[in-house]
Structures are given as structure tokens and as C-alpha cells.
Amino acid sequence: MKVIYKITYPNGKIYVGMDLIGSINYFGSASSRVIEQDFPEEQRLDFTIRKEILWQSETAPDSEVRMKEVEFIRAFQSNNPSIGYNRCPKFINRKSVVDVLAEAPGHLAFQTAEEVDAYISEERDAWNH
């Protein structure tokens, strides 16, 4: 059974990985050096992690499993160093279009169609007076 799994560490950070044989004892290839930086020696004495299977297939080709792994990494943002331990694909902190417009001076950003309608109504009322 081929699987995509999520490992959750005691600090809440996650690692998303794939296993092409479905071994119950496989916990991924996250960098031990990166993980060690988050846990002092005393926390390492009693350490519990959780493994969840997010997706599985008996028939998917390996290439599909690899694509699914990247899809889940991006969905969970486990490649964001503040969220998880995946380092590939490289995390790029991109703002949404709404965030960019909201921060731009003199520009309006609407969250809903109702906000747009209300703004247009106010503008029309202002023209008529």
C-alpha cells in the first residue's frame, strides 16, 4: 500500500511524507538536525509523535504518489519552517491578492460581493448629491 502520511511532533510542527511500501514503522526523512533544534535535551527523554495516513492507494504509480506528497505539503504548508519540517519544495511566503490590495495605500480590497455592492451604492449616492 502506497501512502501519504503526516507526522505531528510534540511542539505541533508537522512533516508530510510518502511511503511507497506502506511500512508501519517508517517515519520519514525529516532532518534530525532541524528537529533537534526545537527540542532541548530534557524534552527528548519522553518524546511522542503521531503518524496519520492522509491518502493511500494500492494502484497509483510512484509518480502520482510523489505528486500527491507535494500537494499535501503545500496544503498543510509543512514546508513553512514555522509550521513544519519539510524543506522541499522550498517555502515561498506569498501574500494573497486580497492582502496586497488591503495594504496598498489608496486602494480598496473587498472580501465579499456584498461589500462591493455597498461601496458602489455609496458612490452612486455621492454622485447624485
Protein backbone atom coordinates (compact mmCIF):
# COMPACT_ATOMS: atom_id res chain seq x y z
CA MET A 1 0.00 0.00 0.00
CA LYS A 2 1.40 3.38 -1.01
CA VAL A 3 0.62 6.18 1.44
CA ILE A 4 0.99 9.87 2.16
CA TYR A 5 1.30 10.48 5.88
CA LYS A 6 1.61 13.35 8.32
CA ILE A 7 3.86 13.22 11.36
CA THR A 8 2.97 15.58 14.22
CA TYR A 9 5.67 16.38 16.77
CA PRO A 10 5.08 17.42 20.41
CA ASN A 11 5.59 21.09 19.52
CA GLY A 12 2.78 20.92 16.94
CA LYS A 13 5.07 21.10 13.93
CA ILE A 14 4.44 18.58 11.17
CA TYR A 15 6.20 16.61 8.48
CA VAL A 16 4.40 15.25 5.40
CA GLY A 17 5.93 12.33 3.58
CA MET A 18 5.29 9.34 1.36
CA ASP A 19 5.92 5.65 1.74
CA LEU A 20 5.86 3.50 -1.36
CA ILE A 21 5.57 0.22 0.55
CA GLY A 22 3.31 1.25 3.45
CA SER A 23 5.58 0.28 6.34
CA ILE A 24 4.02 0.91 9.75
CA ASN A 25 7.49 1.66 11.12
CA TYR A 26 8.55 4.28 8.55
CA PHE A 27 8.51 7.84 9.89
CA GLY A 28 10.07 9.78 7.05
CA SER A 29 13.30 11.51 6.29
CA ALA A 30 12.93 14.87 8.01
CA SER A 31 16.26 16.40 9.01
CA SER A 32 17.20 15.29 12.52
CA ARG A 33 19.40 18.38 12.91
CA VAL A 34 16.47 20.70 12.18
CA ILE A 35 14.14 18.85 14.55
CA GLU A 36 16.76 18.66 17.34
CA GLN A 37 16.97 22.46 17.38
CA ASP A 38 13.34 22.61 18.57
CA PHE A 39 13.70 20.20 21.48
CA PRO A 40 16.01 20.63 24.47
CA GLU A 41 17.62 17.50 25.93
CA GLU A 42 15.06 17.09 28.75
CA GLN A 43 12.17 17.02 26.23
CA ARG A 44 13.91 14.30 24.25
CA LEU A 45 13.70 11.92 27.24
CA ASP A 46 9.95 11.41 26.74
CA PHE A 47 9.03 12.07 23.14
CA THR A 48 5.81 11.06 21.39
CA ILE A 49 4.99 11.64 17.74
CA ARG A 50 1.81 10.86 15.83
CA LYS A 51 1.58 9.38 12.34
CA GLU A 52 -1.63 9.87 10.36
CA ILE A 53 -2.32 8.39 6.94
CA LEU A 54 -3.71 11.18 4.75
CA TRP A 55 -4.03 9.26 1.47
CA GLN A 56 -3.44 5.72 0.29
CA SER A 57 -3.54 3.70 -2.89
CA GLU A 58 -2.76 0.19 -3.97
CA THR A 59 -2.67 1.06 -7.67
CA ALA A 60 -1.24 4.57 -8.05
CA PRO A 61 2.05 4.79 -9.92
CA ASP A 62 5.01 6.14 -7.93
CA SER A 63 4.90 9.39 -9.93
CA GLU A 64 1.33 10.05 -8.75
CA VAL A 65 2.32 9.37 -5.14
CA ARG A 66 5.18 11.88 -5.44
CA MET A 67 2.79 14.49 -6.86
CA LYS A 68 0.33 13.81 -4.04
CA GLU A 69 3.09 14.27 -1.48
CA VAL A 70 3.90 17.76 -2.83
CA GLU A 71 0.18 18.57 -2.98
CA PHE A 72 -0.23 17.70 0.72
CA ILE A 73 2.99 19.51 1.70
CA ARG A 74 1.63 22.66 0.10
CA ALA A 75 -1.87 22.18 1.50
CA PHE A 76 -0.58 21.79 5.06
CA GLN A 77 2.27 24.29 4.50
CA SER A 78 4.61 21.85 6.20
CA ASN A 79 7.45 23.39 4.19
CA ASN A 80 6.92 26.66 6.10
CA PRO A 81 9.60 26.49 8.83
CA SER A 82 7.19 27.92 11.40
CA ILE A 83 4.70 25.11 10.68
CA GLY A 84 6.69 22.05 9.72
CA TYR A 85 9.89 20.23 8.90
CA ASN A 86 9.59 19.68 5.15
CA ARG A 87 12.26 21.62 3.28
CA CYS A 88 11.14 20.71 -0.25
CA PRO A 89 9.52 22.23 -2.13
CA LYS A 90 11.05 25.46 -0.85
CA PHE A 91 8.51 27.58 1.00
CA ILE A 92 7.79 30.96 -0.57
CA ASN A 93 5.83 33.29 1.67
CA ARG A 94 3.39 34.82 -0.77
CA LYS A 95 0.67 37.20 0.20
CA SER A 96 -2.78 36.76 -1.23
CA VAL A 97 -4.09 39.32 -3.72
CA VAL A 98 -6.57 40.46 -1.07
CA ASP A 99 -3.74 41.08 1.43
CA VAL A 100 -1.68 43.02 -1.11
CA LEU A 101 -4.61 45.22 -2.10
CA ALA A 102 -5.61 45.79 1.51
CA GLU A 103 -2.11 47.07 2.30
CA ALA A 104 -1.82 49.30 -0.77
CA PRO A 105 -2.35 52.97 0.01
CA GLY A 106 -5.49 54.41 -1.54
CA HIS A 107 -6.76 51.08 -2.76
CA LEU A 108 -9.78 49.17 -1.60
CA ALA A 109 -9.99 45.45 -1.10
CA PHE A 110 -13.35 43.79 -0.76
CA GLN A 111 -13.90 40.45 0.91
CA THR A 112 -17.43 39.80 -0.36
CA ALA A 113 -19.75 40.74 -3.21
CA GLU A 114 -21.98 42.48 -0.66
CA GLU A 115 -19.11 44.82 0.27
CA VAL A 116 -18.66 45.68 -3.41
CA ASP A 117 -22.39 46.38 -3.82
CA ALA A 118 -22.45 48.58 -0.72
CA TYR A 119 -19.43 50.57 -1.92
CA ILE A 120 -20.90 51.10 -5.39
CA SER A 121 -24.22 52.21 -3.87
CA GLU A 122 -22.43 54.75 -1.67
CA GLU A 123 -20.50 56.08 -4.66
CA ARG A 124 -23.69 56.44 -6.75
CA ASP A 125 -25.43 58.24 -3.88
CA ALA A 126 -22.48 60.62 -3.61
CA TRP A 127 -22.69 61.46 -7.35
CA ASN A 128 -26.39 62.26 -7.08
CA HIS A 129 -25.94 64.82 -4.30
